[in-house]
Amino acid sequence: MNLYVEIFKSLYVTIYVLSIRLIPMRKIFGLLFFMVILLASSGFLPVSAVTPSPSLSPTPTATLEPTPGVPPVDITQKSTESLGPLEKLFNPVKYAIRGAVEAGVPANTLVLLLLLPIVTFVVAFSRNVVGIRGFGIFLPAALSVVFVATGPVVGIGLFLVIVAVSTLIRMILRKLKVKLQYLPRMSFILWAVVIAVLGVLFLAPILNFPALANVSIFAVLVLILLAEEFSRVQLGKSAKTAVNLTFETLILSLISYFFLTLEPLRKYVLLKPEASLTMVAVADLILGKYTGLRVMEFYRFRKLIKS
């Protein structure tokens, strides 16, 4: 800063001396302009560049919008491609299922109906080829549907409770020598079973077991039918035979439950119902012609076969 003051003082003295000696003013201003240019170029005077100030303009701001969730794919819906009349003609069940689903029929109900022939074929194959008997063909299939609705753990637990209560009531009646005809006795046993099931359902909220509290009446009725069959065999034959048949029925039900919950099979019967129904019908006809020994019989008579 002191350097600038000294420079301007020297300029003032020079201009004053030149004005005294009567130098024209035009030459004085020319000399002054020349000295200013010389000082600016030599770096003694600061030169500031004038830059245009940016104009204020509104900048767009990004707003976050929630992205819609991807809806689950409904495998029963039609594709966007056009469907020929021949395709609809050769797949009538498939398009009937699509129409039923669009009308409000639950797809799960249709899947279970399409899987029931497969389940009954599995039960028939297990009896005719493997040798697992069980309580007929209806009870294992119905019990597998119960396992789908309630879960295998809850279903087996309720079944054990029902069988235990029915056996206990039968033993009490025999101990007390109460002679009843068959139907009144079964009615009394089912009354006791209903009381026991109600007690289990009443205890479900206390035990904090929601899966047991949501048991449907259909599951309870099927389990009661199984208990009735168990009691009938127990009265007609023996307790050992009833236990064996009950155990085999549970095995068949668990195998059928596996097929009912197999996801690739569920998709296949829903997308290609004509093929699945046709294959099951042909398999039933072939199975009906089988007259050979069962697998369990091969194991039972293995010594005789070897000899």
Protein backbone atom coordinates (compact mmCIF):
# COMPACT_ATOMS: atom_id res chain seq x y z
CA MET A 1 0.00 0.00 0.00
CA ASN A 2 2.89 2.47 0.79
CA LEU A 3 4.36 1.76 -2.64
CA TYR A 4 1.17 2.92 -4.35
CA VAL A 5 1.17 6.16 -2.28
CA GLU A 6 4.77 6.97 -3.29
CA ILE A 7 3.98 6.33 -6.96
CA PHE A 8 1.01 8.67 -6.93
CA LYS A 9 3.05 11.35 -5.10
CA SER A 10 5.74 11.19 -7.79
CA LEU A 11 3.07 11.47 -10.48
CA TYR A 12 1.61 14.53 -8.77
CA VAL A 13 5.02 16.24 -8.51
CA THR A 14 5.84 15.50 -12.15
CA ILE A 15 2.52 16.90 -13.35
CA TYR A 16 3.01 20.03 -11.21
CA VAL A 17 6.54 20.67 -12.54
CA LEU A 18 5.46 20.14 -16.11
CA SER A 19 2.53 22.49 -15.65
CA ILE A 20 4.87 25.19 -14.29
CA ARG A 21 7.10 24.95 -17.34
CA LEU A 22 4.03 25.55 -19.46
CA ILE A 23 3.90 22.18 -21.13
CA PRO A 24 0.57 21.83 -22.87
CA MET A 25 -2.16 19.92 -21.06
CA ARG A 26 -2.57 17.48 -23.96
CA LYS A 27 1.01 16.30 -23.50
CA ILE A 28 0.56 16.07 -19.74
CA PHE A 29 -2.48 13.78 -20.06
CA GLY A 30 -0.73 11.70 -22.69
CA LEU A 31 2.26 11.27 -20.40
CA LEU A 32 -0.04 10.37 -17.49
CA PHE A 33 -1.88 7.75 -19.57
CA PHE A 34 1.44 6.27 -20.70
CA MET A 35 2.69 5.94 -17.10
CA VAL A 36 -0.56 4.27 -15.93
CA ILE A 37 -0.31 1.70 -18.76
CA LEU A 38 3.32 1.09 -17.89
CA LEU A 39 2.56 0.52 -14.18
CA ALA A 40 -0.37 -1.80 -14.93
CA SER A 41 1.67 -3.92 -17.32
CA SER A 42 4.55 -4.16 -14.85
CA GLY A 43 2.25 -5.52 -12.07
CA PHE A 44 2.32 -2.57 -9.69
CA LEU A 45 -1.37 -1.82 -10.16
CA PRO A 46 -3.89 -4.61 -9.46
CA VAL A 47 -6.15 -5.33 -12.39
CA SER A 48 -9.44 -7.09 -11.64
CA ALA A 49 -11.27 -8.89 -14.38
CA VAL A 50 -14.93 -8.21 -14.58
CA THR A 51 -16.85 -11.43 -14.85
CA PRO A 52 -20.55 -11.48 -15.55
CA SER A 53 -22.56 -12.61 -12.55
CA PRO A 54 -24.64 -15.70 -13.20
CA SER A 55 -28.33 -15.10 -13.37
CA LEU A 56 -30.46 -16.87 -10.84
CA SER A 57 -32.64 -19.51 -12.45
CA PRO A 58 -34.79 -22.14 -10.74
CA THR A 59 -33.13 -25.56 -10.71
CA PRO A 60 -35.31 -28.66 -10.92
CA THR A 61 -35.39 -30.78 -7.78
CA ALA A 62 -35.89 -34.55 -7.81
CA THR A 63 -38.89 -35.78 -5.87
CA LEU A 64 -38.96 -39.33 -4.57
CA GLU A 65 -42.09 -41.20 -5.51
CA PRO A 66 -42.86 -44.67 -4.15
CA THR A 67 -42.42 -47.32 -6.82
CA PRO A 68 -45.43 -49.59 -7.12
CA GLY A 69 -44.80 -53.13 -5.94
CA VAL A 70 -44.64 -55.91 -8.49
CA PRO A 71 -47.96 -57.77 -8.36
CA PRO A 72 -47.78 -61.57 -8.05
CA VAL A 73 -47.99 -63.39 -11.33
CA ASP A 74 -51.25 -65.23 -11.82
CA ILE A 75 -50.37 -68.31 -13.83
CA THR A 76 -54.02 -68.79 -14.78
CA GLN A 77 -54.23 -65.52 -16.73
CA LYS A 78 -54.16 -65.38 -20.50
CA SER A 79 -51.07 -64.17 -22.32
CA THR A 80 -51.12 -61.17 -24.63
CA GLU A 81 -50.64 -63.29 -27.73
CA SER A 82 -53.71 -64.16 -29.73
CA LEU A 83 -55.25 -67.56 -29.17
CA GLY A 84 -56.36 -69.60 -32.12
CA PRO A 85 -59.66 -71.48 -32.19
CA LEU A 86 -57.86 -74.83 -32.39
CA GLU A 87 -55.93 -74.10 -29.20
CA LYS A 88 -59.15 -73.40 -27.31
CA LEU A 89 -60.73 -76.49 -28.84
CA PHE A 90 -57.95 -78.84 -27.70
CA ASN A 91 -57.60 -77.25 -24.23
CA PRO A 92 -61.19 -76.86 -23.00
CA VAL A 93 -60.46 -77.58 -19.33
CA LYS A 94 -57.59 -75.09 -19.26
CA TYR A 95 -59.72 -72.20 -20.51
CA ALA A 96 -62.64 -73.29 -18.34
CA ILE A 97 -60.31 -73.03 -15.33
CA ARG A 98 -59.25 -69.55 -16.41
CA GLY A 99 -62.85 -68.48 -16.72
CA ALA A 100 -63.65 -69.91 -13.29
CA VAL A 101 -60.72 -68.08 -11.69
CA GLU A 102 -61.77 -64.82 -13.34
CA ALA A 103 -65.29 -65.40 -12.01
CA GLY A 104 -63.98 -65.65 -8.44
CA VAL A 105 -63.44 -69.38 -7.87
CA PRO A 106 -60.31 -69.83 -5.68
CA ALA A 107 -57.40 -71.23 -7.68
CA ASN A 108 -56.30 -73.30 -4.68
CA THR A 109 -59.61 -75.20 -4.71
CA LEU A 110 -59.23 -76.01 -8.39
CA VAL A 111 -55.66 -77.18 -7.85
CA LEU A 112 -56.69 -79.51 -5.02
CA LEU A 113 -59.49 -80.97 -7.16
CA LEU A 114 -57.08 -81.60 -10.02
CA LEU A 115 -54.58 -83.20 -7.64
CA LEU A 116 -57.09 -85.56 -5.98
CA PRO A 117 -56.96 -88.12 -8.85
CA ILE A 118 -53.17 -88.19 -8.50
CA VAL A 119 -53.49 -88.69 -4.74
CA THR A 120 -55.96 -91.55 -5.16
CA PHE A 121 -53.66 -93.17 -7.72
CA VAL A 122 -50.78 -92.93 -5.23
CA VAL A 123 -52.92 -94.61 -2.56
CA ALA A 124 -54.03 -97.35 -4.97
CA PHE A 125 -50.45 -97.91 -6.15
CA SER A 126 -49.26 -98.15 -2.54
CA ARG A 127 -51.87 -100.81 -1.82
CA ASN A 128 -51.68 -102.92 -5.01
CA VAL A 129 -47.94 -102.72 -5.66
CA VAL A 130 -46.24 -101.82 -2.38
CA GLY A 131 -48.66 -103.48 0.05
CA ILE A 132 -49.52 -100.57 2.38
CA ARG A 133 -53.20 -101.04 3.15
CA GLY A 134 -54.54 -98.22 5.31
CA PHE A 135 -58.22 -97.44 5.84
CA GLY A 136 -59.38 -97.65 2.24
CA ILE A 137 -58.76 -94.92 -0.33
CA PHE A 138 -60.98 -92.07 0.89
CA LEU A 139 -59.57 -91.53 4.38
CA PRO A 140 -55.88 -91.18 3.36
CA ALA A 141 -56.82 -88.72 0.60
CA ALA A 142 -59.08 -86.70 2.91
CA LEU A 143 -56.49 -86.73 5.67
CA SER A 144 -53.84 -85.40 3.26
CA VAL A 145 -56.14 -82.45 2.47
CA VAL A 146 -56.49 -81.90 6.23
CA PHE A 147 -52.70 -81.79 6.51
CA VAL A 148 -52.63 -79.15 3.77
CA ALA A 149 -55.18 -77.05 5.67
CA THR A 150 -53.76 -77.43 9.18
CA GLY A 151 -50.19 -78.63 8.72
CA PRO A 152 -48.95 -82.15 9.40
CA VAL A 153 -47.95 -81.44 13.00
CA VAL A 154 -51.35 -80.06 14.06
CA GLY A 155 -53.20 -82.71 12.06
CA ILE A 156 -51.30 -85.62 13.56
CA GLY A 157 -51.63 -84.10 17.04
CA LEU A 158 -55.40 -83.80 16.75
CA PHE A 159 -55.62 -87.29 15.33
CA LEU A 160 -53.68 -88.75 18.26
CA VAL A 161 -55.97 -86.92 20.70
CA ILE A 162 -59.08 -88.23 18.95
CA VAL A 163 -57.80 -91.81 18.78
CA ALA A 164 -56.72 -91.73 22.44
CA VAL A 165 -60.13 -90.43 23.58
CA SER A 166 -62.07 -92.97 21.49
CA THR A 167 -59.93 -95.84 22.80
CA LEU A 168 -60.30 -94.62 26.38
CA ILE A 169 -64.09 -94.37 26.12
CA ARG A 170 -64.32 -97.84 24.61
CA MET A 171 -62.22 -99.28 27.45
CA ILE A 172 -64.35 -97.48 30.06
CA LEU A 173 -67.55 -98.87 28.55
CA ARG A 174 -66.07 -102.35 28.55
CA LYS A 175 -64.83 -101.96 32.13
CA LEU A 176 -68.23 -100.81 33.33
CA LYS A 177 -69.87 -103.61 31.34
CA VAL A 178 -72.19 -101.18 29.61
CA LYS A 179 -73.67 -103.11 26.72
CA LEU A 180 -74.72 -100.89 23.85
CA GLN A 181 -75.50 -101.62 20.25
CA TYR A 182 -72.97 -100.59 17.61
CA LEU A 183 -74.46 -97.30 16.42
CA PRO A 184 -75.37 -95.93 19.90
CA ARG A 185 -71.90 -96.90 21.11
CA MET A 186 -70.24 -95.09 18.18
CA SER A 187 -72.47 -92.07 18.79
CA PHE A 188 -71.38 -91.96 22.44
CA ILE A 189 -67.72 -92.30 21.45
CA LEU A 190 -68.06 -89.45 18.94
CA TRP A 191 -69.74 -87.34 21.64
CA ALA A 192 -66.68 -87.83 23.83
CA VAL A 193 -64.39 -87.02 20.88
CA VAL A 194 -66.24 -83.76 20.24
CA ILE A 195 -65.88 -82.77 23.91
CA ALA A 196 -62.14 -83.51 23.74
CA VAL A 197 -61.66 -81.49 20.53
CA LEU A 198 -63.56 -78.56 22.04
CA GLY A 199 -61.28 -78.71 25.06
CA VAL A 200 -58.21 -78.63 22.81
CA LEU A 201 -59.57 -75.64 20.87
CA PHE A 202 -60.37 -73.83 24.13
CA LEU A 203 -56.80 -74.39 25.32
CA ALA A 204 -55.25 -73.11 22.06
CA PRO A 205 -55.42 -69.36 22.97
CA ILE A 206 -54.08 -70.10 26.44
CA LEU A 207 -51.17 -72.09 25.01
CA ASN A 208 -50.56 -69.33 22.41
CA PHE A 209 -50.89 -71.78 19.55
CA PRO A 210 -52.69 -69.92 16.69
CA ALA A 211 -52.28 -72.79 14.20
CA LEU A 212 -54.40 -74.98 16.46
CA ALA A 213 -56.99 -72.26 17.04
CA ASN A 214 -57.61 -71.84 13.29
CA VAL A 215 -58.58 -75.46 12.66
CA SER A 216 -61.60 -75.71 10.37
CA ILE A 217 -64.63 -77.89 10.97
CA PHE A 218 -63.77 -79.90 7.85
CA ALA A 219 -60.48 -81.04 9.38
CA VAL A 220 -62.18 -82.02 12.63
CA LEU A 221 -64.87 -84.01 10.80
CA VAL A 222 -62.30 -85.95 8.76
CA LEU A 223 -60.30 -86.74 11.89
CA ILE A 224 -63.48 -87.92 13.63
CA LEU A 225 -64.24 -90.18 10.66
CA LEU A 226 -60.77 -91.64 10.96
CA ALA A 227 -61.31 -92.20 14.68
CA GLU A 228 -64.61 -93.93 13.89
CA GLU A 229 -62.86 -96.25 11.44
CA PHE A 230 -60.17 -96.94 14.03
CA SER A 231 -62.79 -97.86 16.63
CA ARG A 232 -64.68 -100.05 14.17
CA VAL A 233 -61.57 -102.06 13.29
CA GLN A 234 -60.60 -102.21 16.94
CA LEU A 235 -64.00 -103.64 17.86
CA GLY A 236 -64.21 -106.01 14.90
CA LYS A 237 -60.66 -107.38 14.78
CA SER A 238 -58.05 -106.36 17.33
CA ALA A 239 -56.26 -103.35 18.74
CA LYS A 240 -53.00 -104.38 17.03
CA THR A 241 -54.65 -104.48 13.61
CA ALA A 242 -56.28 -101.10 14.22
CA VAL A 243 -52.95 -99.55 15.23
CA ASN A 244 -51.19 -101.00 12.17
CA LEU A 245 -53.88 -99.76 9.80
CA THR A 246 -53.85 -96.34 11.45
CA PHE A 247 -50.08 -96.09 11.12
CA GLU A 248 -50.24 -97.09 7.45
CA THR A 249 -53.01 -94.55 6.87
CA LEU A 250 -50.82 -91.81 8.33
CA ILE A 251 -47.94 -92.84 6.07
CA LEU A 252 -50.18 -92.73 2.99
CA SER A 253 -51.55 -89.35 4.08
CA LEU A 254 -48.07 -87.87 4.49
CA ILE A 255 -47.03 -89.17 1.05
CA SER A 256 -50.19 -87.68 -0.45
CA TYR A 257 -49.52 -84.43 1.42
CA PHE A 258 -46.11 -84.26 -0.26
CA PHE A 259 -47.73 -84.52 -3.70
CA LEU A 260 -50.38 -81.94 -2.82
CA THR A 261 -47.76 -79.38 -1.77
CA LEU A 262 -45.25 -80.06 -4.58
CA GLU A 263 -45.12 -76.71 -6.37
CA PRO A 264 -44.00 -77.94 -9.85
CA LEU A 265 -46.82 -80.50 -9.84
CA ARG A 266 -49.38 -77.86 -8.79
CA LYS A 267 -48.34 -75.59 -11.66
CA TYR A 268 -48.38 -78.47 -14.13
CA VAL A 269 -51.92 -79.64 -13.33
CA LEU A 270 -53.16 -76.04 -13.45
CA LEU A 271 -51.52 -75.17 -16.76
CA LYS A 272 -52.01 -78.57 -18.43
CA PRO A 273 -55.07 -80.15 -16.80
CA GLU A 274 -56.02 -82.22 -19.86
CA ALA A 275 -52.65 -83.96 -19.95
CA SER A 276 -52.60 -84.67 -16.20
CA LEU A 277 -56.15 -86.07 -16.13
CA THR A 278 -55.48 -88.25 -19.18
CA MET A 279 -52.24 -89.65 -17.76
CA VAL A 280 -53.86 -90.46 -14.41
CA ALA A 281 -56.76 -92.26 -16.12
CA VAL A 282 -54.36 -94.35 -18.24
CA ALA A 283 -52.22 -95.10 -15.17
CA ASP A 284 -55.30 -96.29 -13.24
CA LEU A 285 -56.25 -98.64 -16.08
CA ILE A 286 -52.73 -100.07 -16.24
CA LEU A 287 -52.58 -100.45 -12.44
CA GLY A 288 -55.90 -102.30 -12.44
CA LYS A 289 -54.38 -105.03 -14.63
CA TYR A 290 -51.55 -105.73 -12.20
CA THR A 291 -51.93 -109.13 -10.51
CA GLY A 292 -48.40 -109.83 -9.29
CA LEU A 293 -46.96 -109.97 -5.80
CA ARG A 294 -46.64 -106.83 -3.72
CA VAL A 295 -43.33 -105.48 -2.44
CA MET A 296 -44.29 -106.28 1.16
CA GLU A 297 -45.12 -109.84 0.11
CA PHE A 298 -41.73 -110.23 -1.54
CA TYR A 299 -40.19 -109.22 1.78
CA ARG A 300 -42.53 -111.48 3.79
CA PHE A 301 -41.92 -114.56 1.66
CA ARG A 302 -38.26 -113.84 0.89
CA LYS A 303 -37.10 -117.15 2.42
CA LEU A 304 -39.63 -119.14 0.41
CA ILE A 305 -38.68 -117.31 -2.78
CA LYS A 306 -34.96 -117.98 -2.21
CA SER A 307 -35.59 -121.68 -1.60
